[in-house]
Amino acid sequence: MTFRRPDQDPTRPVYVISVAASIVSVHPRTLRIYEEEGLVCPARTPTNIRLYSEQDVRRIMWIRHLTQNLGVNLAGVRILFELEERLGTRILERLYTEGTTGERAEGAPVEKAASAAKA
């Protein structure tokens, strides 16, 4: 049985919005927009302060990659996240691999999903 230290749990909310924004190099307002669009859902303290987990930060990095490098808009990012969740497949990892290697895998549905997300 593997035990994790509590401070290494990727789902544990630990970063306030300013720290999370600085980690991913965005303005805190950008993180609020991502939350308003339903792309990320940070935890809240009893005094309503947003707390981001390591998992949230990774998700924000994916959003940044999709929007900045692949030209997908926020509605498209939401569709890709929903597809990935529904299908239980790693669509985003395949997109990233295809984008970094310059090769196209035989997964036509991924290309269709990416092109649909851009529309």
PDB file of N, CA and C in Angstrom:
ATOM      1  N   MET A   1       0.844  -1.175   0.000  1.00  0.00           N
ATOM      2  CA  MET A   1       0.000   0.000   0.000  1.00  0.00           C
ATOM      3  C   MET A   1       0.893   1.243   0.000  1.00  0.00           C
ATOM      4  N   THR A   2       0.549   2.197  -0.859  1.00  0.00           N
ATOM      5  CA  THR A   2       1.329   3.415  -0.973  1.00  0.00           C
ATOM      6  C   THR A   2       0.660   4.533  -0.185  1.00  0.00           C
ATOM      7  N   PHE A   3       1.454   5.201   0.625  1.00  0.00           N
ATOM      8  CA  PHE A   3       0.942   6.328   1.390  1.00  0.00           C
ATOM      9  C   PHE A   3       1.500   7.612   0.811  1.00  0.00           C
ATOM     10  N   ARG A   4       0.649   8.611   0.680  1.00  0.00           N
ATOM     11  CA  ARG A   4       1.072   9.925   0.201  1.00  0.00           C
ATOM     12  C   ARG A   4       1.122  10.897   1.357  1.00  0.00           C
ATOM     13  N   ARG A   5       2.115  11.739   1.297  1.00  0.00           N
ATOM     14  CA  ARG A   5       2.140  12.814   2.282  1.00  0.00           C
ATOM     15  C   ARG A   5       1.036  13.797   1.933  1.00  0.00           C
ATOM     16  N   PRO A   6       0.374  14.360   2.914  1.00  0.00           N
ATOM     17  CA  PRO A   6      -0.717  15.299   2.625  1.00  0.00           C
ATOM     18  C   PRO A   6      -0.274  16.499   1.802  1.00  0.00           C
ATOM     19  N   ASP A   7       0.979  16.921   1.959  1.00  0.00           N
ATOM     20  CA  ASP A   7       1.439  18.087   1.209  1.00  0.00           C
ATOM     21  C   ASP A   7       1.774  17.748  -0.238  1.00  0.00           C
ATOM     22  N   GLN A   8       1.681  16.477  -0.637  1.00  0.00           N
ATOM     23  CA  GLN A   8       1.948  16.091  -2.017  1.00  0.00           C
ATOM     24  C   GLN A   8       0.689  15.652  -2.744  1.00  0.00           C
ATOM     25  N   ASP A   9      -0.456  15.863  -2.176  1.00  0.00           N
ATOM     26  CA  ASP A   9      -1.725  15.498  -2.797  1.00  0.00           C
ATOM     27  C   ASP A   9      -2.052  16.523  -3.885  1.00  0.00           C
ATOM     28  N   PRO A  10      -2.116  16.098  -5.164  1.00  0.00           N
ATOM     29  CA  PRO A  10      -2.365  17.062  -6.241  1.00  0.00           C
ATOM     30  C   PRO A  10      -3.763  17.666  -6.239  1.00  0.00           C
ATOM     31  N   THR A  11      -4.666  17.087  -5.473  1.00  0.00           N
ATOM     32  CA  THR A  11      -6.028  17.633  -5.428  1.00  0.00           C
ATOM     33  C   THR A  11      -6.236  18.580  -4.252  1.00  0.00           C
ATOM     34  N   ARG A  12      -5.252  18.703  -3.390  1.00  0.00           N
ATOM     35  CA  ARG A  12      -5.372  19.561  -2.202  1.00  0.00           C
ATOM     36  C   ARG A  12      -5.232  21.034  -2.597  1.00  0.00           C
ATOM     37  N   PRO A  13      -6.245  21.849  -2.330  1.00  0.00           N
ATOM     38  CA  PRO A  13      -6.167  23.271  -2.683  1.00  0.00           C
ATOM     39  C   PRO A  13      -5.212  24.025  -1.762  1.00  0.00           C
ATOM     40  N   VAL A  14      -4.172  24.616  -2.347  1.00  0.00           N
ATOM     41  CA  VAL A  14      -3.166  25.293  -1.535  1.00  0.00           C
ATOM     42  C   VAL A  14      -2.786  26.681  -2.045  1.00  0.00           C
ATOM     43  N   TYR A  15      -3.014  26.974  -3.325  1.00  0.00           N
ATOM     44  CA  TYR A  15      -2.552  28.235  -3.902  1.00  0.00           C
ATOM     45  C   TYR A  15      -3.668  29.271  -3.962  1.00  0.00           C
ATOM     46  N   VAL A  16      -3.422  30.459  -3.411  1.00  0.00           N
ATOM     47  CA  VAL A  16      -4.372  31.556  -3.589  1.00  0.00           C
ATOM     48  C   VAL A  16      -4.259  32.033  -5.036  1.00  0.00           C
ATOM     49  N   ILE A  17      -5.210  32.816  -5.475  1.00  0.00           N
ATOM     50  CA  ILE A  17      -5.302  33.180  -6.888  1.00  0.00           C
ATOM     51  C   ILE A  17      -4.044  33.896  -7.395  1.00  0.00           C
ATOM     52  N   SER A  18      -3.442  34.744  -6.595  1.00  0.00           N
ATOM     53  CA  SER A  18      -2.250  35.474  -7.061  1.00  0.00           C
ATOM     54  C   SER A  18      -1.071  34.538  -7.270  1.00  0.00           C
ATOM     55  N   VAL A  19      -0.922  33.549  -6.401  1.00  0.00           N
ATOM     56  CA  VAL A  19       0.169  32.587  -6.546  1.00  0.00           C
ATOM     57  C   VAL A  19      -0.082  31.681  -7.746  1.00  0.00           C
ATOM     58  N   ALA A  20      -1.304  31.178  -7.890  1.00  0.00           N
ATOM     59  CA  ALA A  20      -1.640  30.331  -9.033  1.00  0.00           C
ATOM     60  C   ALA A  20      -1.434  31.085 -10.342  1.00  0.00           C
ATOM     61  N   ALA A  21      -1.834  32.351 -10.366  1.00  0.00           N
ATOM     62  CA  ALA A  21      -1.657  33.166 -11.570  1.00  0.00           C
ATOM     63  C   ALA A  21      -0.186  33.351 -11.902  1.00  0.00           C
ATOM     64  N   SER A  22       0.630  33.544 -10.896  1.00  0.00           N
ATOM     65  CA  SER A  22       2.055  33.736 -11.149  1.00  0.00           C
ATOM     66  C   SER A  22       2.709  32.430 -11.593  1.00  0.00           C
ATOM     67  N   ILE A  23       2.247  31.293 -11.105  1.00  0.00           N
ATOM     68  CA  ILE A  23       2.805  30.000 -11.533  1.00  0.00           C
ATOM     69  C   ILE A  23       2.576  29.778 -13.028  1.00  0.00           C
ATOM     70  N   VAL A  24       1.390  30.110 -13.506  1.00  0.00           N
ATOM     71  CA  VAL A  24       1.066  29.876 -14.923  1.00  0.00           C
ATOM     72  C   VAL A  24       1.257  31.122 -15.785  1.00  0.00           C
ATOM     73  N   SER A  25       1.780  32.178 -15.206  1.00  0.00           N
ATOM     74  CA  SER A  25       2.098  33.423 -15.929  1.00  0.00           C
ATOM     75  C   SER A  25       0.885  34.062 -16.587  1.00  0.00           C
ATOM     76  N   VAL A  26      -0.180  34.228 -15.817  1.00  0.00           N
ATOM     77  CA  VAL A  26      -1.366  34.937 -16.295  1.00  0.00           C
ATOM     78  C   VAL A  26      -1.798  35.940 -15.240  1.00  0.00           C
ATOM     79  N   HIS A  27      -2.675  36.829 -15.620  1.00  0.00           N
ATOM     80  CA  HIS A  27      -3.252  37.781 -14.684  1.00  0.00           C
ATOM     81  C   HIS A  27      -4.331  37.062 -13.868  1.00  0.00           C
ATOM     82  N   PRO A  28      -4.502  37.404 -12.602  1.00  0.00           N
ATOM     83  CA  PRO A  28      -5.561  36.764 -11.813  1.00  0.00           C
ATOM     84  C   PRO A  28      -6.945  36.881 -12.446  1.00  0.00           C
ATOM     85  N   ARG A  29      -7.180  37.963 -13.177  1.00  0.00           N
ATOM     86  CA  ARG A  29      -8.477  38.122 -13.856  1.00  0.00           C
ATOM     87  C   ARG A  29      -8.707  36.991 -14.856  1.00  0.00           C
ATOM     88  N   THR A  30      -7.635  36.519 -15.490  1.00  0.00           N
ATOM     89  CA  THR A  30      -7.749  35.413 -16.437  1.00  0.00           C
ATOM     90  C   THR A  30      -8.267  34.162 -15.736  1.00  0.00           C
ATOM     91  N   LEU A  31      -7.780  33.910 -14.536  1.00  0.00           N
ATOM     92  CA  LEU A  31      -8.255  32.746 -13.780  1.00  0.00           C
ATOM     93  C   LEU A  31      -9.726  32.905 -13.408  1.00  0.00           C
ATOM     94  N   ARG A  32     -10.136  34.124 -13.108  1.00  0.00           N
ATOM     95  CA  ARG A  32     -11.558  34.362 -12.805  1.00  0.00           C
ATOM     96  C   ARG A  32     -12.416  34.112 -14.041  1.00  0.00           C
ATOM     97  N   ILE A  33     -11.908  34.507 -15.205  1.00  0.00           N
ATOM     98  CA  ILE A  33     -12.640  34.266 -16.459  1.00  0.00           C
ATOM     99  C   ILE A  33     -12.762  32.761 -16.702  1.00  0.00           C
ATOM    100  N   TYR A  34     -11.660  32.025 -16.504  1.00  0.00           N
ATOM    101  CA  TYR A  34     -11.710  30.571 -16.680  1.00  0.00           C
ATOM    102  C   TYR A  34     -12.743  29.956 -15.744  1.00  0.00           C
ATOM    103  N   GLU A  35     -12.852  30.484 -14.534  1.00  0.00           N
ATOM    104  CA  GLU A  35     -13.840  29.974 -13.591  1.00  0.00           C
ATOM    105  C   GLU A  35     -15.252  30.318 -14.060  1.00  0.00           C
ATOM    106  N   GLU A  36     -15.450  31.555 -14.526  1.00  0.00           N
ATOM    107  CA  GLU A  36     -16.768  31.969 -15.026  1.00  0.00           C
ATOM    108  C   GLU A  36     -17.206  31.119 -16.209  1.00  0.00           C
ATOM    109  N   GLU A  37     -16.249  30.716 -17.045  1.00  0.00           N
ATOM    110  CA  GLU A  37     -16.539  29.883 -18.216  1.00  0.00           C
ATOM    111  C   GLU A  37     -16.720  28.408 -17.859  1.00  0.00           C
ATOM    112  N   GLY A  38     -16.484  28.062 -16.601  1.00  0.00           N
ATOM    113  CA  GLY A  38     -16.657  26.683 -16.162  1.00  0.00           C
ATOM    114  C   GLY A  38     -15.490  25.772 -16.506  1.00  0.00           C
ATOM    115  N   LEU A  39     -14.333  26.349 -16.789  1.00  0.00           N
ATOM    116  CA  LEU A  39     -13.173  25.538 -17.170  1.00  0.00           C
ATOM    117  C   LEU A  39     -12.370  25.051 -15.976  1.00  0.00           C
ATOM    118  N   VAL A  40     -12.437  25.780 -14.895  1.00  0.00           N
ATOM    119  CA  VAL A  40     -11.734  25.394 -13.673  1.00  0.00           C
ATOM    120  C   VAL A  40     -12.630  25.776 -12.497  1.00  0.00           C
ATOM    121  N   CYS A  41     -12.587  24.953 -11.461  1.00  0.00           N
ATOM    122  CA  CYS A  41     -13.444  25.193 -10.307  1.00  0.00           C
ATOM    123  C   CYS A  41     -12.602  25.123  -9.033  1.00  0.00           C
ATOM    124  N   PRO A  42     -11.996  26.242  -8.653  1.00  0.00           N
ATOM    125  CA  PRO A  42     -11.161  26.220  -7.451  1.00  0.00           C
ATOM    126  C   PRO A  42     -12.011  26.044  -6.192  1.00  0.00           C
ATOM    127  N   ALA A  43     -11.376  25.524  -5.161  1.00  0.00           N
ATOM    128  CA  ALA A  43     -12.051  25.401  -3.861  1.00  0.00           C
ATOM    129  C   ALA A  43     -12.188  26.799  -3.262  1.00  0.00           C
ATOM    130  N   ARG A  44     -13.054  26.921  -2.288  1.00  0.00           N
ATOM    131  CA  ARG A  44     -13.255  28.200  -1.603  1.00  0.00           C
ATOM    132  C   ARG A  44     -13.079  28.008  -0.101  1.00  0.00           C
ATOM    133  N   THR A  45     -12.479  28.995   0.519  1.00  0.00           N
ATOM    134  CA  THR A  45     -12.364  28.993   1.975  1.00  0.00           C
ATOM    135  C   THR A  45     -13.683  29.479   2.558  1.00  0.00           C
ATOM    136  N   PRO A  46     -13.871  29.376   3.865  1.00  0.00           N
ATOM    137  CA  PRO A  46     -15.101  29.906   4.471  1.00  0.00           C
ATOM    138  C   PRO A  46     -15.288  31.408   4.221  1.00  0.00           C
ATOM    139  N   THR A  47     -14.194  32.127   3.988  1.00  0.00           N
ATOM    140  CA  THR A  47     -14.298  33.563   3.693  1.00  0.00           C
ATOM    141  C   THR A  47     -14.316  33.830   2.190  1.00  0.00           C
ATOM    142  N   ASN A  48     -14.562  32.792   1.391  1.00  0.00           N
ATOM    143  CA  ASN A  48     -14.769  32.881  -0.058  1.00  0.00           C
ATOM    144  C   ASN A  48     -13.498  33.183  -0.863  1.00  0.00           C
ATOM    145  N   ILE A  49     -12.341  32.864  -0.331  1.00  0.00           N
ATOM    146  CA  ILE A  49     -11.089  33.035  -1.065  1.00  0.00           C
ATOM    147  C   ILE A  49     -10.860  31.797  -1.922  1.00  0.00           C
ATOM    148  N   ARG A  50     -10.510  32.008  -3.189  1.00  0.00           N
ATOM    149  CA  ARG A  50     -10.245  30.890  -4.091  1.00  0.00           C
ATOM    150  C   ARG A  50      -8.931  30.215  -3.727  1.00  0.00           C
ATOM    151  N   LEU A  51      -8.946  28.880  -3.722  1.00  0.00           N
ATOM    152  CA  LEU A  51      -7.731  28.103  -3.514  1.00  0.00           C
ATOM    153  C   LEU A  51      -7.596  27.089  -4.646  1.00  0.00           C
ATOM    154  N   TYR A  52      -6.450  27.116  -5.322  1.00  0.00           N
ATOM    155  CA  TYR A  52      -6.195  26.247  -6.455  1.00  0.00           C
ATOM    156  C   TYR A  52      -5.283  25.091  -6.048  1.00  0.00           C
ATOM    157  N   SER A  53      -5.575  23.914  -6.547  1.00  0.00           N
ATOM    158  CA  SER A  53      -4.747  22.739  -6.283  1.00  0.00           C
ATOM    159  C   SER A  53      -3.717  22.593  -7.408  1.00  0.00           C
ATOM    160  N   GLU A  54      -2.802  21.676  -7.218  1.00  0.00           N
ATOM    161  CA  GLU A  54      -1.820  21.382  -8.269  1.00  0.00           C
ATOM    162  C   GLU A  54      -2.535  20.887  -9.526  1.00  0.00           C
ATOM    163  N   GLN A  55      -3.590  20.130  -9.336  1.00  0.00           N
ATOM    164  CA  GLN A  55      -4.390  19.636 -10.452  1.00  0.00           C
ATOM    165  C   GLN A  55      -5.055  20.794 -11.210  1.00  0.00           C
ATOM    166  N   ASP A  56      -5.554  21.788 -10.472  1.00  0.00           N
ATOM    167  CA  ASP A  56      -6.128  22.979 -11.108  1.00  0.00           C
ATOM    168  C   ASP A  56      -5.076  23.716 -11.930  1.00  0.00           C
ATOM    169  N   VAL A  57      -3.870  23.834 -11.370  1.00  0.00           N
ATOM    170  CA  VAL A  57      -2.789  24.530 -12.067  1.00  0.00           C
ATOM    171  C   VAL A  57      -2.450  23.801 -13.365  1.00  0.00           C
ATOM    172  N   ARG A  58      -2.396  22.472 -13.314  1.00  0.00           N
ATOM    173  CA  ARG A  58      -2.132  21.694 -14.537  1.00  0.00           C
ATOM    174  C   ARG A  58      -3.228  21.917 -15.568  1.00  0.00           C
ATOM    175  N   ARG A  59      -4.463  21.954 -15.104  1.00  0.00           N
ATOM    176  CA  ARG A  59      -5.589  22.176 -16.022  1.00  0.00           C
ATOM    177  C   ARG A  59      -5.479  23.563 -16.672  1.00  0.00           C
ATOM    178  N   ILE A  60      -5.097  24.559 -15.887  1.00  0.00           N
ATOM    179  CA  ILE A  60      -4.914  25.911 -16.428  1.00  0.00           C
ATOM    180  C   ILE A  60      -3.795  25.922 -17.467  1.00  0.00           C
ATOM    181  N   MET A  61      -2.734  25.156 -17.210  1.00  0.00           N
ATOM    182  CA  MET A  61      -1.653  25.065 -18.196  1.00  0.00           C
ATOM    183  C   MET A  61      -2.153  24.450 -19.504  1.00  0.00           C
ATOM    184  N   TRP A  62      -3.033  23.447 -19.407  1.00  0.00           N
ATOM    185  CA  TRP A  62      -3.630  22.868 -20.607  1.00  0.00           C
ATOM    186  C   TRP A  62      -4.467  23.918 -21.342  1.00  0.00           C
ATOM    187  N   ILE A  63      -5.249  24.672 -20.590  1.00  0.00           N
ATOM    188  CA  ILE A  63      -6.076  25.719 -21.212  1.00  0.00           C
ATOM    189  C   ILE A  63      -5.179  26.704 -21.953  1.00  0.00           C
ATOM    190  N   ARG A  64      -4.105  27.136 -21.304  1.00  0.00           N
ATOM    191  CA  ARG A  64      -3.165  28.072 -21.937  1.00  0.00           C
ATOM    192  C   ARG A  64      -2.551  27.476 -23.199  1.00  0.00           C
ATOM    193  N   HIS A  65      -2.162  26.201 -23.134  1.00  0.00           N
ATOM    194  CA  HIS A  65      -1.570  25.549 -24.307  1.00  0.00           C
ATOM    195  C   HIS A  65      -2.574  25.497 -25.454  1.00  0.00           C
ATOM    196  N   LEU A  66      -3.794  25.085 -25.155  1.00  0.00           N
ATOM    197  CA  LEU A  66      -4.806  24.977 -26.201  1.00  0.00           C
ATOM    198  C   LEU A  66      -5.140  26.328 -26.820  1.00  0.00           C
ATOM    199  N   THR A  67      -5.246  27.361 -25.992  1.00  0.00           N
ATOM    200  CA  THR A  67      -5.613  28.672 -26.527  1.00  0.00           C
ATOM    201  C   THR A  67      -4.440  29.379 -27.201  1.00  0.00           C
ATOM    202  N   GLN A  68      -3.267  29.325 -26.602  1.00  0.00           N
ATOM    203  CA  GLN A  68      -2.121  30.068 -27.127  1.00  0.00           C
ATOM    204  C   GLN A  68      -1.431  29.353 -28.283  1.00  0.00           C
ATOM    205  N   ASN A  69      -1.250  28.032 -28.181  1.00  0.00           N
ATOM    206  CA  ASN A  69      -0.472  27.300 -29.178  1.00  0.00           C
ATOM    207  C   ASN A  69      -1.317  26.662 -30.272  1.00  0.00           C
ATOM    208  N   LEU A  70      -2.545  26.255 -29.935  1.00  0.00           N
ATOM    209  CA  LEU A  70      -3.382  25.577 -30.922  1.00  0.00           C
ATOM    210  C   LEU A  70      -4.523  26.444 -31.430  1.00  0.00           C
ATOM    211  N   GLY A  71      -4.713  27.618 -30.852  1.00  0.00           N
ATOM    212  CA  GLY A  71      -5.727  28.544 -31.342  1.00  0.00           C
ATOM    213  C   GLY A  71      -7.158  28.154 -31.021  1.00  0.00           C
ATOM    214  N   VAL A  72      -7.358  27.344 -30.002  1.00  0.00           N
ATOM    215  CA  VAL A  72      -8.706  26.931 -29.610  1.00  0.00           C
ATOM    216  C   VAL A  72      -9.295  28.008 -28.699  1.00  0.00           C
ATOM    217  N   ASN A  73     -10.556  28.370 -28.945  1.00  0.00           N
ATOM    218  CA  ASN A  73     -11.186  29.360 -28.068  1.00  0.00           C
ATOM    219  C   ASN A  73     -11.700  28.679 -26.793  1.00  0.00           C
ATOM    220  N   LEU A  74     -12.164  29.468 -25.834  1.00  0.00           N
ATOM    221  CA  LEU A  74     -12.565  28.908 -24.540  1.00  0.00           C
ATOM    222  C   LEU A  74     -13.758  27.964 -24.657  1.00  0.00           C
ATOM    223  N   ALA A  75     -14.676  28.245 -25.567  1.00  0.00           N
ATOM    224  CA  ALA A  75     -15.801  27.326 -25.778  1.00  0.00           C
ATOM    225  C   ALA A  75     -15.287  25.990 -26.310  1.00  0.00           C
ATOM    226  N   GLY A  76     -14.306  26.043 -27.174  1.00  0.00           N
ATOM    227  CA  GLY A  76     -13.698  24.822 -27.708  1.00  0.00           C
ATOM    228  C   GLY A  76     -12.957  24.046 -26.642  1.00  0.00           C
ATOM    229  N   VAL A  77     -12.289  24.764 -25.754  1.00  0.00           N
ATOM    230  CA  VAL A  77     -11.586  24.110 -24.649  1.00  0.00           C
ATOM    231  C   VAL A  77     -12.596  23.371 -23.773  1.00  0.00           C
ATOM    232  N   ARG A  78     -13.723  24.009 -23.503  1.00  0.00           N
ATOM    233  CA  ARG A  78     -14.763  23.377 -22.691  1.00  0.00           C
ATOM    234  C   ARG A  78     -15.259  22.093 -23.365  1.00  0.00           C
ATOM    235  N   ILE A  79     -15.468  22.157 -24.686  1.00  0.00           N
ATOM    236  CA  ILE A  79     -15.928  20.976 -25.428  1.00  0.00           C
ATOM    237  C   ILE A  79     -14.894  19.857 -25.348  1.00  0.00           C
ATOM    238  N   LEU A  80     -13.618  20.196 -25.504  1.00  0.00           N
ATOM    239  CA  LEU A  80     -12.572  19.176 -25.416  1.00  0.00           C
ATOM    240  C   LEU A  80     -12.516  18.540 -24.035  1.00  0.00           C
ATOM    241  N   PHE A  81     -12.632  19.352 -22.989  1.00  0.00           N
ATOM    242  CA  PHE A  81     -12.642  18.814 -21.628  1.00  0.00           C
ATOM    243  C   PHE A  81     -13.850  17.894 -21.422  1.00  0.00           C
ATOM    244  N   GLU A  82     -15.017  18.318 -21.934  1.00  0.00           N
ATOM    245  CA  GLU A  82     -16.224  17.500 -21.790  1.00  0.00           C
ATOM    246  C   GLU A  82     -16.089  16.188 -22.557  1.00  0.00           C
ATOM    247  N   LEU A  83     -15.544  16.260 -23.768  1.00  0.00           N
ATOM    248  CA  LEU A  83     -15.341  15.042 -24.559  1.00  0.00           C
ATOM    249  C   LEU A  83     -14.397  14.085 -23.850  1.00  0.00           C
ATOM    250  N   GLU A  84     -13.320  14.631 -23.341  1.00  0.00           N
ATOM    251  CA  GLU A  84     -12.349  13.798 -22.645  1.00  0.00           C
ATOM    252  C   GLU A  84     -12.989  13.122 -21.436  1.00  0.00           C
ATOM    253  N   GLU A  85     -13.812  13.863 -20.715  1.00  0.00           N
ATOM    254  CA  GLU A  85     -14.473  13.311 -19.535  1.00  0.00           C
ATOM    255  C   GLU A  85     -15.488  12.244 -19.921  1.00  0.00           C
ATOM    256  N   ARG A  86     -16.284  12.513 -20.953  1.00  0.00           N
ATOM    257  CA  ARG A  86     -17.318  11.561 -21.379  1.00  0.00           C
ATOM    258  C   ARG A  86     -16.723  10.284 -21.960  1.00  0.00           C
ATOM    259  N   LEU A  87     -15.713  10.441 -22.794  1.00  0.00           N
ATOM    260  CA  LEU A  87     -15.132   9.289 -23.480  1.00  0.00           C
ATOM    261  C   LEU A  87     -14.122   8.545 -22.617  1.00  0.00           C
ATOM    262  N   GLY A  88     -13.615   9.216 -21.600  1.00  0.00           N
ATOM    263  CA  GLY A  88     -12.617   8.586 -20.757  1.00  0.00           C
ATOM    264  C   GLY A  88     -11.289   8.374 -21.461  1.00  0.00           C
ATOM    265  N   THR A  89     -11.021   9.166 -22.492  1.00  0.00           N
ATOM    266  CA  THR A  89      -9.760   9.044 -23.231  1.00  0.00           C
ATOM    267  C   THR A  89      -8.924  10.291 -23.034  1.00  0.00           C
ATOM    268  N   ARG A  90      -7.678  10.198 -23.398  1.00  0.00           N
ATOM    269  CA  ARG A  90      -6.734  11.297 -23.245  1.00  0.00           C
ATOM    270  C   ARG A  90      -6.626  12.102 -24.538  1.00  0.00           C
ATOM    271  N   ILE A  91      -7.692  12.776 -24.907  1.00  0.00           N
ATOM    272  CA  ILE A  91      -7.706  13.582 -26.129  1.00  0.00           C
ATOM    273  C   ILE A  91      -6.651  14.674 -26.057  1.00  0.00           C
ATOM    274  N   LEU A  92      -6.563  15.338 -24.920  1.00  0.00           N
ATOM    275  CA  LEU A  92      -5.636  16.460 -24.789  1.00  0.00           C
ATOM    276  C   LEU A  92      -4.187  16.010 -24.898  1.00  0.00           C
ATOM    277  N   GLU A  93      -3.868  14.872 -24.316  1.00  0.00           N
ATOM    278  CA  GLU A  93      -2.495  14.368 -24.424  1.00  0.00           C
ATOM    279  C   GLU A  93      -2.155  14.037 -25.869  1.00  0.00           C
ATOM    280  N   ARG A  94      -3.116  13.479 -26.599  1.00  0.00           N
ATOM    281  CA  ARG A  94      -2.880  13.169 -28.017  1.00  0.00           C
ATOM    282  C   ARG A  94      -2.697  14.454 -28.820  1.00  0.00           C
ATOM    283  N   LEU A  95      -3.502  15.467 -28.535  1.00  0.00           N
ATOM    284  CA  LEU A  95      -3.337  16.750 -29.222  1.00  0.00           C
ATOM    285  C   LEU A  95      -1.969  17.344 -28.942  1.00  0.00           C
ATOM    286  N   TYR A  96      -1.543  17.254 -27.687  1.00  0.00           N
ATOM    287  CA  TYR A  96      -0.247  17.792 -27.311  1.00  0.00           C
ATOM    288  C   TYR A  96       0.873  17.032 -28.012  1.00  0.00           C
ATOM    289  N   THR A  97       0.781  15.709 -28.020  1.00  0.00           N
ATOM    290  CA  THR A  97       1.796  14.887 -28.673  1.00  0.00           C
ATOM    291  C   THR A  97       1.852  15.196 -30.161  1.00  0.00           C
ATOM    292  N   GLU A  98       0.701  15.299 -30.791  1.00  0.00           N
ATOM    293  CA  GLU A  98       0.653  15.609 -32.220  1.00  0.00           C
ATOM    294  C   GLU A  98       1.228  16.982 -32.496  1.00  0.00           C
ATOM    295  N   GLY A  99       0.921  17.920 -31.621  1.00  0.00           N
ATOM    296  CA  GLY A  99       1.412  19.284 -31.826  1.00  0.00           C
ATOM    297  C   GLY A  99       2.908  19.409 -31.642  1.00  0.00           C
ATOM    298  N   THR A 100       3.476  18.649 -30.714  1.00  0.00           N
ATOM    299  CA  THR A 100       4.910  18.765 -30.452  1.00  0.00           C
ATOM    300  C   THR A 100       5.746  17.943 -31.412  1.00  0.00           C
ATOM    301  N   THR A 101       5.196  16.828 -31.913  1.00  0.00           N
ATOM    302  CA  THR A 101       5.973  16.004 -32.837  1.00  0.00           C
ATOM    303  C   THR A 101       5.739  16.401 -34.281  1.00  0.00           C
ATOM    304  N   GLY A 102       4.650  17.115 -34.536  1.00  0.00           N
ATOM    305  CA  GLY A 102       4.349  17.522 -35.901  1.00  0.00           C
ATOM    306  C   GLY A 102       3.748  16.396 -36.716  1.00  0.00           C
ATOM    307  N   GLU A 103       3.515  15.263 -36.093  1.00  0.00           N
ATOM    308  CA  GLU A 103       2.930  14.119 -36.787  1.00  0.00           C
ATOM    309  C   GLU A 103       1.447  14.056 -36.491  1.00  0.00           C
ATOM    310  N   ARG A 104       0.718  13.437 -37.397  1.00  0.00           N
ATOM    311  CA  ARG A 104      -0.705  13.200 -37.172  1.00  0.00           C
ATOM    312  C   ARG A 104      -0.914  11.716 -36.969  1.00  0.00           C
ATOM    313  N   ALA A 105      -1.464  11.376 -35.816  1.00  0.00           N
ATOM    314  CA  ALA A 105      -1.771   9.972 -35.543  1.00  0.00           C
ATOM    315  C   ALA A 105      -3.002   9.574 -36.334  1.00  0.00           C
ATOM    316  N   GLU A 106      -3.294   8.303 -36.348  1.00  0.00           N
ATOM    317  CA  GLU A 106      -4.430   7.818 -37.114  1.00  0.00           C
ATOM    318  C   GLU A 106      -5.762   8.096 -36.440  1.00  0.00           C
ATOM    319  N   GLY A 107      -5.820   8.941 -35.452  1.00  0.00           N
ATOM    320  CA  GLY A 107      -7.058   9.224 -34.717  1.00  0.00           C
ATOM    321  C   GLY A 107      -7.815  10.380 -35.317  1.00  0.00           C
ATOM    322  N   ALA A 108      -8.526  10.161 -36.380  1.00  0.00           N
ATOM    323  CA  ALA A 108      -9.299  11.210 -37.027  1.00  0.00           C
ATOM    324  C   ALA A 108     -10.272  11.899 -36.067  1.00  0.00           C
ATOM    325  N   PRO A 109     -10.873  11.170 -35.108  1.00  0.00           N
ATOM    326  CA  PRO A 109     -11.784  11.859 -34.184  1.00  0.00           C
ATOM    327  C   PRO A 109     -11.113  12.988 -33.415  1.00  0.00           C
ATOM    328  N   VAL A 110      -9.831  12.858 -33.124  1.00  0.00           N
ATOM    329  CA  VAL A 110      -9.126  13.917 -32.405  1.00  0.00           C
ATOM    330  C   VAL A 110      -9.046  15.155 -33.275  1.00  0.00           C
ATOM    331  N   GLU A 111      -8.716  14.986 -34.547  1.00  0.00           N
ATOM    332  CA  GLU A 111      -8.637  16.135 -35.443  1.00  0.00           C
ATOM    333  C   GLU A 111     -10.002  16.784 -35.610  1.00  0.00           C
ATOM    334  N   LYS A 112     -11.039  15.960 -35.715  1.00  0.00           N
ATOM    335  CA  LYS A 112     -12.395  16.505 -35.837  1.00  0.00           C
ATOM    336  C   LYS A 112     -12.772  17.262 -34.582  1.00  0.00           C
ATOM    337  N   ALA A 113     -12.410  16.718 -33.421  1.00  0.00           N
ATOM    338  CA  ALA A 113     -12.723  17.394 -32.155  1.00  0.00           C
ATOM    339  C   ALA A 113     -12.004  18.724 -32.070  1.00  0.00           C
ATOM    340  N   ALA A 114     -10.747  18.756 -32.498  1.00  0.00           N
ATOM    341  CA  ALA A 114      -9.983  20.003 -32.454  1.00  0.00           C
ATOM    342  C   ALA A 114     -10.546  21.027 -33.416  1.00  0.00           C
ATOM    343  N   SER A 115     -10.919  20.567 -34.617  1.00  0.00           N
ATOM    344  CA  SER A 115     -11.467  21.520 -35.590  1.00  0.00           C
ATOM    345  C   SER A 115     -12.858  21.990 -35.175  1.00  0.00           C
ATOM    346  N   ALA A 116     -13.638  21.103 -34.560  1.00  0.00           N
ATOM    347  CA  ALA A 116     -14.959  21.502 -34.062  1.00  0.00           C
ATOM    348  C   ALA A 116     -14.821  22.488 -32.926  1.00  0.00           C
ATOM    349  N   ALA A 117     -13.789  22.305 -32.106  1.00  0.00           N
ATOM    350  CA  ALA A 117     -13.576  23.194 -30.969  1.00  0.00           C
ATOM    351  C   ALA A 117     -13.171  24.586 -31.426  1.00  0.00           C
ATOM    352  N   LYS A 118     -12.472  24.671 -32.562  1.00  0.00           N
ATOM    353  CA  LYS A 118     -12.048  25.981 -33.081  1.00  0.00           C
ATOM    354  C   LYS A 118     -13.220  26.762 -33.649  1.00  0.00           C
ATOM    355  N   ALA A 119     -14.257  26.057 -34.105  1.00  0.00           N
ATOM    356  CA  ALA A 119     -15.395  26.719 -34.745  1.00  0.00           C
ATOM    357  C   ALA A 119     -16.239  27.494 -33.768  1.00  0.00           C
TER     358      ALA A 119
END
